[in-house]
Amino acid sequence: MLPKDPAFWIVVAIGIVIVVALAIWFGRGLEIGKWYIRVKPAEAKKGTAISVGEKLKMTGAKVGGDVAGIKKGGGDVSQDIDVLRGGELKDTDIHGDITGFKQEGDGKK
């Protein structure tokens, strides 16, 4: 049996308004079926393309670190990464890695 107290129904209405407002705010929206109301899962964001050193030409250079599109501590990368596309390296001394994505360790061995 449902409660007849108006305060209960006011609290329920406020809760529904908050859920709908948050769903709209975060861009998810709602699915309302015959027996359910649920928040749609978030759509995957399209990653941006990252380009590092496109058509770069180096001769006799010294690089003291990494040439990387993304350096991060963990997780997946959902972006297109180009490193040195069409580039030319001649007599170049690089003291690091050339990579699109470099995942750095947490310092534990």
PDB file of N, CA and C in Angstrom:
ATOM      1  N   MET A   1       0.840  -1.170   0.000  1.00  0.00           N
ATOM      2  CA  MET A   1       0.000   0.000   0.000  1.00  0.00           C
ATOM      3  C   MET A   1       0.896   1.247   0.000  1.00  0.00           C
ATOM      4  N   LEU A   2       0.545   2.222  -0.784  1.00  0.00           N
ATOM      5  CA  LEU A   2       1.335   3.439  -0.905  1.00  0.00           C
ATOM      6  C   LEU A   2       0.986   4.414   0.216  1.00  0.00           C
ATOM      7  N   PRO A   3       1.968   5.159   0.693  1.00  0.00           N
ATOM      8  CA  PRO A   3       1.698   6.139   1.755  1.00  0.00           C
ATOM      9  C   PRO A   3       0.831   7.290   1.240  1.00  0.00           C
ATOM     10  N   LYS A   4       0.000   7.827   2.118  1.00  0.00           N
ATOM     11  CA  LYS A   4      -0.882   8.940   1.745  1.00  0.00           C
ATOM     12  C   LYS A   4      -0.337  10.286   2.209  1.00  0.00           C
ATOM     13  N   ASP A   5       0.791  10.261   2.864  1.00  0.00           N
ATOM     14  CA  ASP A   5       1.381  11.494   3.386  1.00  0.00           C
ATOM     15  C   ASP A   5       1.925  12.341   2.228  1.00  0.00           C
ATOM     16  N   PRO A   6       1.500  13.604   2.084  1.00  0.00           N
ATOM     17  CA  PRO A   6       1.989  14.438   0.985  1.00  0.00           C
ATOM     18  C   PRO A   6       3.490  14.736   1.076  1.00  0.00           C
ATOM     19  N   ALA A   7       4.060  14.733   2.262  1.00  0.00           N
ATOM     20  CA  ALA A   7       5.500  14.995   2.406  1.00  0.00           C
ATOM     21  C   ALA A   7       6.312  13.901   1.715  1.00  0.00           C
ATOM     22  N   PHE A   8       5.864  12.658   1.805  1.00  0.00           N
ATOM     23  CA  PHE A   8       6.543  11.548   1.137  1.00  0.00           C
ATOM     24  C   PHE A   8       6.562  11.764  -0.367  1.00  0.00           C
ATOM     25  N   TRP A   9       5.440  12.134  -0.950  1.00  0.00           N
ATOM     26  CA  TRP A   9       5.342  12.314  -2.393  1.00  0.00           C
ATOM     27  C   TRP A   9       6.140  13.531  -2.860  1.00  0.00           C
ATOM     28  N   ILE A  10       6.246  14.545  -2.017  1.00  0.00           N
ATOM     29  CA  ILE A  10       7.073  15.704  -2.362  1.00  0.00           C
ATOM     30  C   ILE A  10       8.545  15.294  -2.423  1.00  0.00           C
ATOM     31  N   VAL A  11       8.985  14.492  -1.466  1.00  0.00           N
ATOM     32  CA  VAL A  11      10.368  14.008  -1.450  1.00  0.00           C
ATOM     33  C   VAL A  11      10.628  13.130  -2.680  1.00  0.00           C
ATOM     34  N   VAL A  12       9.693  12.267  -3.045  1.00  0.00           N
ATOM     35  CA  VAL A  12       9.850  11.412  -4.230  1.00  0.00           C
ATOM     36  C   VAL A  12       9.941  12.268  -5.491  1.00  0.00           C
ATOM     37  N   ALA A  13       9.082  13.285  -5.603  1.00  0.00           N
ATOM     38  CA  ALA A  13       9.094  14.164  -6.778  1.00  0.00           C
ATOM     39  C   ALA A  13      10.414  14.924  -6.877  1.00  0.00           C
ATOM     40  N   ILE A  14      10.919  15.421  -5.754  1.00  0.00           N
ATOM     41  CA  ILE A  14      12.205  16.135  -5.755  1.00  0.00           C
ATOM     42  C   ILE A  14      13.333  15.197  -6.175  1.00  0.00           C
ATOM     43  N   GLY A  15      13.316  13.956  -5.710  1.00  0.00           N
ATOM     44  CA  GLY A  15      14.330  12.975  -6.096  1.00  0.00           C
ATOM     45  C   GLY A  15      14.305  12.702  -7.591  1.00  0.00           C
ATOM     46  N   ILE A  16      13.114  12.574  -8.165  1.00  0.00           N
ATOM     47  CA  ILE A  16      12.997  12.336  -9.608  1.00  0.00           C
ATOM     48  C   ILE A  16      13.512  13.530 -10.393  1.00  0.00           C
ATOM     49  N   VAL A  17      13.181  14.728  -9.940  1.00  0.00           N
ATOM     50  CA  VAL A  17      13.664  15.937 -10.622  1.00  0.00           C
ATOM     51  C   VAL A  17      15.187  16.002 -10.581  1.00  0.00           C
ATOM     52  N   ILE A  18      15.790  15.638  -9.470  1.00  0.00           N
ATOM     53  CA  ILE A  18      17.256  15.663  -9.352  1.00  0.00           C
ATOM     54  C   ILE A  18      17.882  14.651 -10.316  1.00  0.00           C
ATOM     55  N   VAL A  19      17.320  13.440 -10.394  1.00  0.00           N
ATOM     56  CA  VAL A  19      17.862  12.422 -11.301  1.00  0.00           C
ATOM     57  C   VAL A  19      17.750  12.879 -12.759  1.00  0.00           C
ATOM     58  N   VAL A  20      16.600  13.438 -13.130  1.00  0.00           N
ATOM     59  CA  VAL A  20      16.411  13.908 -14.507  1.00  0.00           C
ATOM     60  C   VAL A  20      17.375  15.060 -14.812  1.00  0.00           C
ATOM     61  N   ALA A  21      17.517  15.988 -13.873  1.00  0.00           N
ATOM     62  CA  ALA A  21      18.413  17.130 -14.083  1.00  0.00           C
ATOM     63  C   ALA A  21      19.864  16.670 -14.250  1.00  0.00           C
ATOM     64  N   LEU A  22      20.305  15.717 -13.429  1.00  0.00           N
ATOM     65  CA  LEU A  22      21.674  15.212 -13.551  1.00  0.00           C
ATOM     66  C   LEU A  22      21.877  14.457 -14.861  1.00  0.00           C
ATOM     67  N   ALA A  23      20.875  13.704 -15.290  1.00  0.00           N
ATOM     68  CA  ALA A  23      20.984  12.977 -16.562  1.00  0.00           C
ATOM     69  C   ALA A  23      21.114  13.949 -17.727  1.00  0.00           C
ATOM     70  N   ILE A  24      20.357  15.024 -17.694  1.00  0.00           N
ATOM     71  CA  ILE A  24      20.451  16.019 -18.756  1.00  0.00           C
ATOM     72  C   ILE A  24      21.773  16.765 -18.659  1.00  0.00           C
ATOM     73  N   TRP A  25      22.188  17.120 -17.457  1.00  0.00           N
ATOM     74  CA  TRP A  25      23.434  17.866 -17.249  1.00  0.00           C
ATOM     75  C   TRP A  25      24.642  17.093 -17.782  1.00  0.00           C
ATOM     76  N   PHE A  26      24.697  15.781 -17.514  1.00  0.00           N
ATOM     77  CA  PHE A  26      25.824  14.976 -17.957  1.00  0.00           C
ATOM     78  C   PHE A  26      25.643  14.444 -19.372  1.00  0.00           C
ATOM     79  N   GLY A  27      24.588  14.846 -20.050  1.00  0.00           N
ATOM     80  CA  GLY A  27      24.387  14.507 -21.449  1.00  0.00           C
ATOM     81  C   GLY A  27      24.023  13.068 -21.710  1.00  0.00           C
ATOM     82  N   ARG A  28      23.426  12.397 -20.770  1.00  0.00           N
ATOM     83  CA  ARG A  28      23.084  10.994 -20.956  1.00  0.00           C
ATOM     84  C   ARG A  28      21.635  10.821 -21.397  1.00  0.00           C
ATOM     85  N   GLY A  29      20.716  11.501 -20.782  1.00  0.00           N
ATOM     86  CA  GLY A  29      19.304  11.333 -21.102  1.00  0.00           C
ATOM     87  C   GLY A  29      18.700  10.164 -20.351  1.00  0.00           C
ATOM     88  N   LEU A  30      17.422   9.953 -20.552  1.00  0.00           N
ATOM     89  CA  LEU A  30      16.696   8.896 -19.850  1.00  0.00           C
ATOM     90  C   LEU A  30      16.012   7.971 -20.842  1.00  0.00           C
ATOM     91  N   GLU A  31      15.869   6.728 -20.444  1.00  0.00           N
ATOM     92  CA  GLU A  31      15.031   5.783 -21.164  1.00  0.00           C
ATOM     93  C   GLU A  31      13.856   5.459 -20.262  1.00  0.00           C
ATOM     94  N   ILE A  32      12.661   5.673 -20.760  1.00  0.00           N
ATOM     95  CA  ILE A  32      11.473   5.393 -19.965  1.00  0.00           C
ATOM     96  C   ILE A  32      10.708   4.288 -20.674  1.00  0.00           C
ATOM     97  N   GLY A  33      10.630   3.128 -20.033  1.00  0.00           N
ATOM     98  CA  GLY A  33       9.907   1.987 -20.586  1.00  0.00           C
ATOM     99  C   GLY A  33       8.592   1.800 -19.840  1.00  0.00           C
ATOM    100  N   LYS A  34       7.929   0.685 -20.118  1.00  0.00           N
ATOM    101  CA  LYS A  34       6.640   0.434 -19.475  1.00  0.00           C
ATOM    102  C   LYS A  34       6.786   0.239 -17.971  1.00  0.00           C
ATOM    103  N   TRP A  35       7.849  -0.438 -17.544  1.00  0.00           N
ATOM    104  CA  TRP A  35       7.998  -0.730 -16.119  1.00  0.00           C
ATOM    105  C   TRP A  35       9.307  -0.219 -15.520  1.00  0.00           C
ATOM    106  N   TYR A  36      10.007   0.639 -16.204  1.00  0.00           N
ATOM    107  CA  TYR A  36      11.288   1.104 -15.654  1.00  0.00           C
ATOM    108  C   TYR A  36      11.617   2.506 -16.156  1.00  0.00           C
ATOM    109  N   ILE A  37      12.479   3.165 -15.415  1.00  0.00           N
ATOM    110  CA  ILE A  37      13.094   4.432 -15.810  1.00  0.00           C
ATOM    111  C   ILE A  37      14.579   4.266 -15.503  1.00  0.00           C
ATOM    112  N   ARG A  38      15.434   4.465 -16.490  1.00  0.00           N
ATOM    113  CA  ARG A  38      16.867   4.324 -16.228  1.00  0.00           C
ATOM    114  C   ARG A  38      17.650   5.375 -17.003  1.00  0.00           C
ATOM    115  N   VAL A  39      18.827   5.657 -16.523  1.00  0.00           N
ATOM    116  CA  VAL A  39      19.715   6.614 -17.172  1.00  0.00           C
ATOM    117  C   VAL A  39      20.488   5.873 -18.252  1.00  0.00           C
ATOM    118  N   LYS A  40      20.544   6.446 -19.446  1.00  0.00           N
ATOM    119  CA  LYS A  40      21.279   5.829 -20.556  1.00  0.00           C
ATOM    120  C   LYS A  40      22.768   5.845 -20.241  1.00  0.00           C
ATOM    121  N   PRO A  41      23.502   4.836 -20.688  1.00  0.00           N
ATOM    122  CA  PRO A  41      24.958   4.870 -20.507  1.00  0.00           C
ATOM    123  C   PRO A  41      25.578   5.991 -21.337  1.00  0.00           C
ATOM    124  N   ALA A  42      26.654   6.533 -20.838  1.00  0.00           N
ATOM    125  CA  ALA A  42      27.328   7.632 -21.542  1.00  0.00           C
ATOM    126  C   ALA A  42      27.908   7.137 -22.856  1.00  0.00           C
ATOM    127  N   GLU A  43      27.827   7.973 -23.876  1.00  0.00           N
ATOM    128  CA  GLU A  43      28.405   7.633 -25.169  1.00  0.00           C
ATOM    129  C   GLU A  43      29.919   7.814 -25.092  1.00  0.00           C
ATOM    130  N   ALA A  44      30.613   6.940 -25.783  1.00  0.00           N
ATOM    131  CA  ALA A  44      32.072   7.034 -25.804  1.00  0.00           C
ATOM    132  C   ALA A  44      32.484   8.307 -26.542  1.00  0.00           C
ATOM    133  N   LYS A  45      33.388   9.037 -25.931  1.00  0.00           N
ATOM    134  CA  LYS A  45      33.863  10.267 -26.560  1.00  0.00           C
ATOM    135  C   LYS A  45      34.886   9.921 -27.622  1.00  0.00           C
ATOM    136  N   LYS A  46      34.796  10.621 -28.720  1.00  0.00           N
ATOM    137  CA  LYS A  46      35.761  10.403 -29.780  1.00  0.00           C
ATOM    138  C   LYS A  46      37.063  11.095 -29.407  1.00  0.00           C
ATOM    139  N   GLY A  47      38.145  10.348 -29.502  1.00  0.00           N
ATOM    140  CA  GLY A  47      39.446  10.910 -29.182  1.00  0.00           C
ATOM    141  C   GLY A  47      39.940  11.815 -30.292  1.00  0.00           C
ATOM    142  N   THR A  48      40.783  12.704 -29.919  1.00  0.00           N
ATOM    143  CA  THR A  48      41.362  13.593 -30.914  1.00  0.00           C
ATOM    144  C   THR A  48      42.663  12.986 -31.418  1.00  0.00           C
ATOM    145  N   ALA A  49      43.056  13.379 -32.582  1.00  0.00           N
ATOM    146  CA  ALA A  49      44.315  12.890 -33.148  1.00  0.00           C
ATOM    147  C   ALA A  49      45.473  13.723 -32.601  1.00  0.00           C
ATOM    148  N   ILE A  50      46.531  13.045 -32.240  1.00  0.00           N
ATOM    149  CA  ILE A  50      47.723  13.721 -31.722  1.00  0.00           C
ATOM    150  C   ILE A  50      48.856  13.471 -32.709  1.00  0.00           C
ATOM    151  N   SER A  51      49.483  14.538 -33.137  1.00  0.00           N
ATOM    152  CA  SER A  51      50.585  14.427 -34.080  1.00  0.00           C
ATOM    153  C   SER A  51      51.807  15.100 -33.475  1.00  0.00           C
ATOM    154  N   VAL A  52      52.917  14.360 -33.429  1.00  0.00           N
ATOM    155  CA  VAL A  52      54.160  14.884 -32.866  1.00  0.00           C
ATOM    156  C   VAL A  52      55.252  14.768 -33.924  1.00  0.00           C
ATOM    157  N   GLY A  53      55.813  15.882 -34.303  1.00  0.00           N
ATOM    158  CA  GLY A  53      56.958  15.893 -35.212  1.00  0.00           C
ATOM    159  C   GLY A  53      56.646  15.450 -36.625  1.00  0.00           C
ATOM    160  N   GLU A  54      55.475  15.782 -37.125  1.00  0.00           N
ATOM    161  CA  GLU A  54      55.131  15.398 -38.491  1.00  0.00           C
ATOM    162  C   GLU A  54      56.043  16.138 -39.472  1.00  0.00           C
ATOM    163  N   LYS A  55      56.649  15.387 -40.378  1.00  0.00           N
ATOM    164  CA  LYS A  55      57.577  15.902 -41.397  1.00  0.00           C
ATOM    165  C   LYS A  55      58.777  16.631 -40.779  1.00  0.00           C
ATOM    166  N   LEU A  56      59.150  16.222 -39.589  1.00  0.00           N
ATOM    167  CA  LEU A  56      60.287  16.825 -38.896  1.00  0.00           C
ATOM    168  C   LEU A  56      61.588  16.319 -39.522  1.00  0.00           C
ATOM    169  N   LYS A  57      62.530  17.222 -39.749  1.00  0.00           N
ATOM    170  CA  LYS A  57      63.838  16.849 -40.284  1.00  0.00           C
ATOM    171  C   LYS A  57      64.896  17.324 -39.299  1.00  0.00           C
ATOM    172  N   MET A  58      65.674  16.364 -38.761  1.00  0.00           N
ATOM    173  CA  MET A  58      66.740  16.700 -37.826  1.00  0.00           C
ATOM    174  C   MET A  58      68.040  16.070 -38.311  1.00  0.00           C
ATOM    175  N   THR A  59      69.088  16.852 -38.228  1.00  0.00           N
ATOM    176  CA  THR A  59      70.409  16.362 -38.581  1.00  0.00           C
ATOM    177  C   THR A  59      71.385  16.809 -37.498  1.00  0.00           C
ATOM    178  N   GLY A  60      72.115  15.845 -36.944  1.00  0.00           N
ATOM    179  CA  GLY A  60      73.129  16.154 -35.939  1.00  0.00           C
ATOM    180  C   GLY A  60      72.560  16.698 -34.642  1.00  0.00           C
ATOM    181  N   ALA A  61      71.375  16.290 -34.271  1.00  0.00           N
ATOM    182  CA  ALA A  61      70.732  16.799 -33.054  1.00  0.00           C
ATOM    183  C   ALA A  61      70.933  15.828 -31.895  1.00  0.00           C
ATOM    184  N   LYS A  62      70.767  16.340 -30.680  1.00  0.00           N
ATOM    185  CA  LYS A  62      70.807  15.517 -29.477  1.00  0.00           C
ATOM    186  C   LYS A  62      69.515  15.751 -28.708  1.00  0.00           C
ATOM    187  N   VAL A  63      68.814  14.669 -28.456  1.00  0.00           N
ATOM    188  CA  VAL A  63      67.552  14.741 -27.705  1.00  0.00           C
ATOM    189  C   VAL A  63      67.783  14.033 -26.381  1.00  0.00           C
ATOM    190  N   GLY A  64      67.592  14.747 -25.278  1.00  0.00           N
ATOM    191  CA  GLY A  64      67.898  14.197 -23.960  1.00  0.00           C
ATOM    192  C   GLY A  64      66.761  13.450 -23.301  1.00  0.00           C
ATOM    193  N   GLY A  65      65.646  13.256 -23.971  1.00  0.00           N
ATOM    194  CA  GLY A  65      64.519  12.562 -23.348  1.00  0.00           C
ATOM    195  C   GLY A  65      63.720  11.786 -24.373  1.00  0.00           C
ATOM    196  N   ASP A  66      62.487  11.577 -24.063  1.00  0.00           N
ATOM    197  CA  ASP A  66      61.613  10.799 -24.924  1.00  0.00           C
ATOM    198  C   ASP A  66      60.934  11.683 -25.963  1.00  0.00           C
ATOM    199  N   VAL A  67      60.602  11.067 -27.086  1.00  0.00           N
ATOM    200  CA  VAL A  67      59.756  11.695 -28.084  1.00  0.00           C
ATOM    201  C   VAL A  67      58.468  10.876 -28.042  1.00  0.00           C
ATOM    202  N   ALA A  68      57.445  11.407 -27.396  1.00  0.00           N
ATOM    203  CA  ALA A  68      56.222  10.642 -27.171  1.00  0.00           C
ATOM    204  C   ALA A  68      54.998  11.510 -27.400  1.00  0.00           C
ATOM    205  N   GLY A  69      53.948  10.891 -27.918  1.00  0.00           N
ATOM    206  CA  GLY A  69      52.678  11.598 -28.100  1.00  0.00           C
ATOM    207  C   GLY A  69      51.969  11.784 -26.781  1.00  0.00           C
ATOM    208  N   ILE A  70      51.918  10.721 -25.958  1.00  0.00           N
ATOM    209  CA  ILE A  70      51.269  10.779 -24.646  1.00  0.00           C
ATOM    210  C   ILE A  70      52.150  10.038 -23.656  1.00  0.00           C
ATOM    211  N   LYS A  71      52.388  10.650 -22.502  1.00  0.00           N
ATOM    212  CA  LYS A  71      53.048   9.986 -21.383  1.00  0.00           C
ATOM    213  C   LYS A  71      52.063  10.014 -20.235  1.00  0.00           C
ATOM    214  N   LYS A  72      51.705   8.855 -19.716  1.00  0.00           N
ATOM    215  CA  LYS A  72      50.772   8.862 -18.590  1.00  0.00           C
ATOM    216  C   LYS A  72      51.002   7.660 -17.718  1.00  0.00           C
ATOM    217  N   GLY A  73      50.478   7.734 -16.514  1.00  0.00           N
ATOM    218  CA  GLY A  73      50.738   6.715 -15.510  1.00  0.00           C
ATOM    219  C   GLY A  73      49.959   5.433 -15.679  1.00  0.00           C
ATOM    220  N   GLY A  74      48.871   5.422 -16.362  1.00  0.00           N
ATOM    221  CA  GLY A  74      48.094   4.197 -16.523  1.00  0.00           C
ATOM    222  C   GLY A  74      46.835   4.445 -17.319  1.00  0.00           C
ATOM    223  N   GLY A  75      46.150   3.380 -17.621  1.00  0.00           N
ATOM    224  CA  GLY A  75      44.896   3.488 -18.352  1.00  0.00           C
ATOM    225  C   GLY A  75      45.064   3.293 -19.844  1.00  0.00           C
ATOM    226  N   ASP A  76      43.943   3.298 -20.505  1.00  0.00           N
ATOM    227  CA  ASP A  76      43.943   3.091 -21.949  1.00  0.00           C
ATOM    228  C   ASP A  76      43.936   4.427 -22.672  1.00  0.00           C
ATOM    229  N   VAL A  77      44.371   4.396 -23.907  1.00  0.00           N
ATOM    230  CA  VAL A  77      44.373   5.587 -24.739  1.00  0.00           C
ATOM    231  C   VAL A  77      43.450   5.329 -25.912  1.00  0.00           C
ATOM    232  N   SER A  78      42.470   6.195 -26.079  1.00  0.00           N
ATOM    233  CA  SER A  78      41.531   6.022 -27.189  1.00  0.00           C
ATOM    234  C   SER A  78      41.712   7.149 -28.202  1.00  0.00           C
ATOM    235  N   GLN A  79      42.940   7.452 -28.504  1.00  0.00           N
ATOM    236  CA  GLN A  79      43.238   8.531 -29.424  1.00  0.00           C
ATOM    237  C   GLN A  79      44.178   8.021 -30.505  1.00  0.00           C
ATOM    238  N   ASP A  80      44.090   8.644 -31.669  1.00  0.00           N
ATOM    239  CA  ASP A  80      45.028   8.337 -32.743  1.00  0.00           C
ATOM    240  C   ASP A  80      46.298   9.139 -32.504  1.00  0.00           C
ATOM    241  N   ILE A  81      47.424   8.462 -32.523  1.00  0.00           N
ATOM    242  CA  ILE A  81      48.698   9.118 -32.228  1.00  0.00           C
ATOM    243  C   ILE A  81      49.665   8.877 -33.382  1.00  0.00           C
ATOM    244  N   ASP A  82      50.181   9.952 -33.934  1.00  0.00           N
ATOM    245  CA  ASP A  82      51.212   9.876 -34.969  1.00  0.00           C
ATOM    246  C   ASP A  82      52.477  10.521 -34.418  1.00  0.00           C
ATOM    247  N   VAL A  83      53.574   9.793 -34.471  1.00  0.00           N
ATOM    248  CA  VAL A  83      54.854  10.333 -34.028  1.00  0.00           C
ATOM    249  C   VAL A  83      55.831  10.232 -35.189  1.00  0.00           C
ATOM    250  N   LEU A  84      56.348  11.377 -35.590  1.00  0.00           N
ATOM    251  CA  LEU A  84      57.361  11.490 -36.642  1.00  0.00           C
ATOM    252  C   LEU A  84      56.881  10.926 -37.987  1.00  0.00           C
ATOM    253  N   ARG A  85      55.643  11.172 -38.335  1.00  0.00           N
ATOM    254  CA  ARG A  85      55.149  10.728 -39.647  1.00  0.00           C
ATOM    255  C   ARG A  85      55.856  11.536 -40.733  1.00  0.00           C
ATOM    256  N   GLY A  86      56.524  10.844 -41.600  1.00  0.00           N
ATOM    257  CA  GLY A  86      57.244  11.512 -42.676  1.00  0.00           C
ATOM    258  C   GLY A  86      58.503  12.229 -42.205  1.00  0.00           C
ATOM    259  N   GLY A  87      58.944  11.960 -40.995  1.00  0.00           N
ATOM    260  CA  GLY A  87      60.126  12.638 -40.465  1.00  0.00           C
ATOM    261  C   GLY A  87      61.422  11.956 -40.864  1.00  0.00           C
ATOM    262  N   GLU A  88      62.499  12.713 -40.834  1.00  0.00           N
ATOM    263  CA  GLU A  88      63.827  12.193 -41.142  1.00  0.00           C
ATOM    264  C   GLU A  88      64.775  12.562 -40.016  1.00  0.00           C
ATOM    265  N   LEU A  89      65.412  11.545 -39.452  1.00  0.00           N
ATOM    266  CA  LEU A  89      66.402  11.764 -38.402  1.00  0.00           C
ATOM    267  C   LEU A  89      67.743  11.248 -38.909  1.00  0.00           C
ATOM    268  N   LYS A  90      68.715  12.141 -39.032  1.00  0.00           N
ATOM    269  CA  LYS A  90      70.049  11.764 -39.502  1.00  0.00           C
ATOM    270  C   LYS A  90      71.071  12.187 -38.456  1.00  0.00           C
ATOM    271  N   ASP A  91      71.969  11.269 -38.130  1.00  0.00           N
ATOM    272  CA  ASP A  91      73.030  11.535 -37.144  1.00  0.00           C
ATOM    273  C   ASP A  91      72.454  12.162 -35.879  1.00  0.00           C
ATOM    274  N   THR A  92      71.371  11.611 -35.392  1.00  0.00           N
ATOM    275  CA  THR A  92      70.670  12.148 -34.222  1.00  0.00           C
ATOM    276  C   THR A  92      70.882  11.216 -33.044  1.00  0.00           C
ATOM    277  N   ASP A  93      71.219  11.792 -31.894  1.00  0.00           N
ATOM    278  CA  ASP A  93      71.447  11.030 -30.675  1.00  0.00           C
ATOM    279  C   ASP A  93      70.238  11.235 -29.754  1.00  0.00           C
ATOM    280  N   ILE A  94      69.446  10.179 -29.568  1.00  0.00           N
ATOM    281  CA  ILE A  94      68.234  10.266 -28.732  1.00  0.00           C
ATOM    282  C   ILE A  94      68.431   9.403 -27.498  1.00  0.00           C
ATOM    283  N   HIS A  95      68.351  10.013 -26.318  1.00  0.00           N
ATOM    284  CA  HIS A  95      68.523   9.307 -25.048  1.00  0.00           C
ATOM    285  C   HIS A  95      67.162   9.010 -24.429  1.00  0.00           C
ATOM    286  N   GLY A  96      66.309   8.369 -25.159  1.00  0.00           N
ATOM    287  CA  GLY A  96      64.982   8.031 -24.661  1.00  0.00           C
ATOM    288  C   GLY A  96      64.254   7.182 -25.685  1.00  0.00           C
ATOM    289  N   ASP A  97      62.960   7.134 -25.563  1.00  0.00           N
ATOM    290  CA  ASP A  97      62.144   6.319 -26.453  1.00  0.00           C
ATOM    291  C   ASP A  97      61.450   7.192 -27.484  1.00  0.00           C
ATOM    292  N   ILE A  98      61.179   6.615 -28.637  1.00  0.00           N
ATOM    293  CA  ILE A  98      60.323   7.241 -29.632  1.00  0.00           C
ATOM    294  C   ILE A  98      59.067   6.389 -29.672  1.00  0.00           C
ATOM    295  N   THR A  99      57.985   6.928 -29.160  1.00  0.00           N
ATOM    296  CA  THR A  99      56.764   6.141 -29.031  1.00  0.00           C
ATOM    297  C   THR A  99      55.540   7.028 -29.089  1.00  0.00           C
ATOM    298  N   GLY A 100      54.418   6.456 -29.466  1.00  0.00           N
ATOM    299  CA  GLY A 100      53.166   7.208 -29.481  1.00  0.00           C
ATOM    300  C   GLY A 100      52.574   7.317 -28.090  1.00  0.00           C
ATOM    301  N   PHE A 101      52.651   6.230 -27.323  1.00  0.00           N
ATOM    302  CA  PHE A 101      52.087   6.202 -25.969  1.00  0.00           C
ATOM    303  C   PHE A 101      53.097   5.558 -25.052  1.00  0.00           C
ATOM    304  N   LYS A 102      53.530   6.291 -24.044  1.00  0.00           N
ATOM    305  CA  LYS A 102      54.470   5.733 -23.071  1.00  0.00           C
ATOM    306  C   LYS A 102      53.796   5.695 -21.724  1.00  0.00           C
ATOM    307  N   GLN A 103      53.622   4.480 -21.221  1.00  0.00           N
ATOM    308  CA  GLN A 103      53.005   4.316 -19.909  1.00  0.00           C
ATOM    309  C   GLN A 103      54.113   4.252 -18.883  1.00  0.00           C
ATOM    310  N   GLU A 104      54.100   5.212 -17.987  1.00  0.00           N
ATOM    311  CA  GLU A 104      55.145   5.275 -16.973  1.00  0.00           C
ATOM    312  C   GLU A 104      54.764   4.399 -15.795  1.00  0.00           C
ATOM    313  N   GLY A 105      55.749   3.692 -15.252  1.00  0.00           N
ATOM    314  CA  GLY A 105      55.516   2.813 -14.114  1.00  0.00           C
ATOM    315  C   GLY A 105      55.249   3.590 -12.839  1.00  0.00           C
ATOM    316  N   ASP A 106      54.804   2.859 -11.839  1.00  0.00           N
ATOM    317  CA  ASP A 106      54.505   3.506 -10.563  1.00  0.00           C
ATOM    318  C   ASP A 106      55.708   3.492  -9.620  1.00  0.00           C
ATOM    319  N   GLY A 107      56.876   3.137 -10.111  1.00  0.00           N
ATOM    320  CA  GLY A 107      58.081   3.179  -9.291  1.00  0.00           C
ATOM    321  C   GLY A 107      58.358   1.879  -8.541  1.00  0.00           C
ATOM    322  N   LYS A 108      57.426   0.922  -8.565  1.00  0.00           N
ATOM    323  CA  LYS A 108      57.624  -0.340  -7.869  1.00  0.00           C
ATOM    324  C   LYS A 108      58.380  -1.287  -8.791  1.00  0.00           C
ATOM    325  N   LYS A 109      59.208  -2.133  -8.186  1.00  0.00           N
ATOM    326  CA  LYS A 109      59.951  -3.103  -8.988  1.00  0.00           C
ATOM    327  C   LYS A 109      59.540  -4.492  -8.612  1.00  0.00           C
TER     328      LYS A 109
END
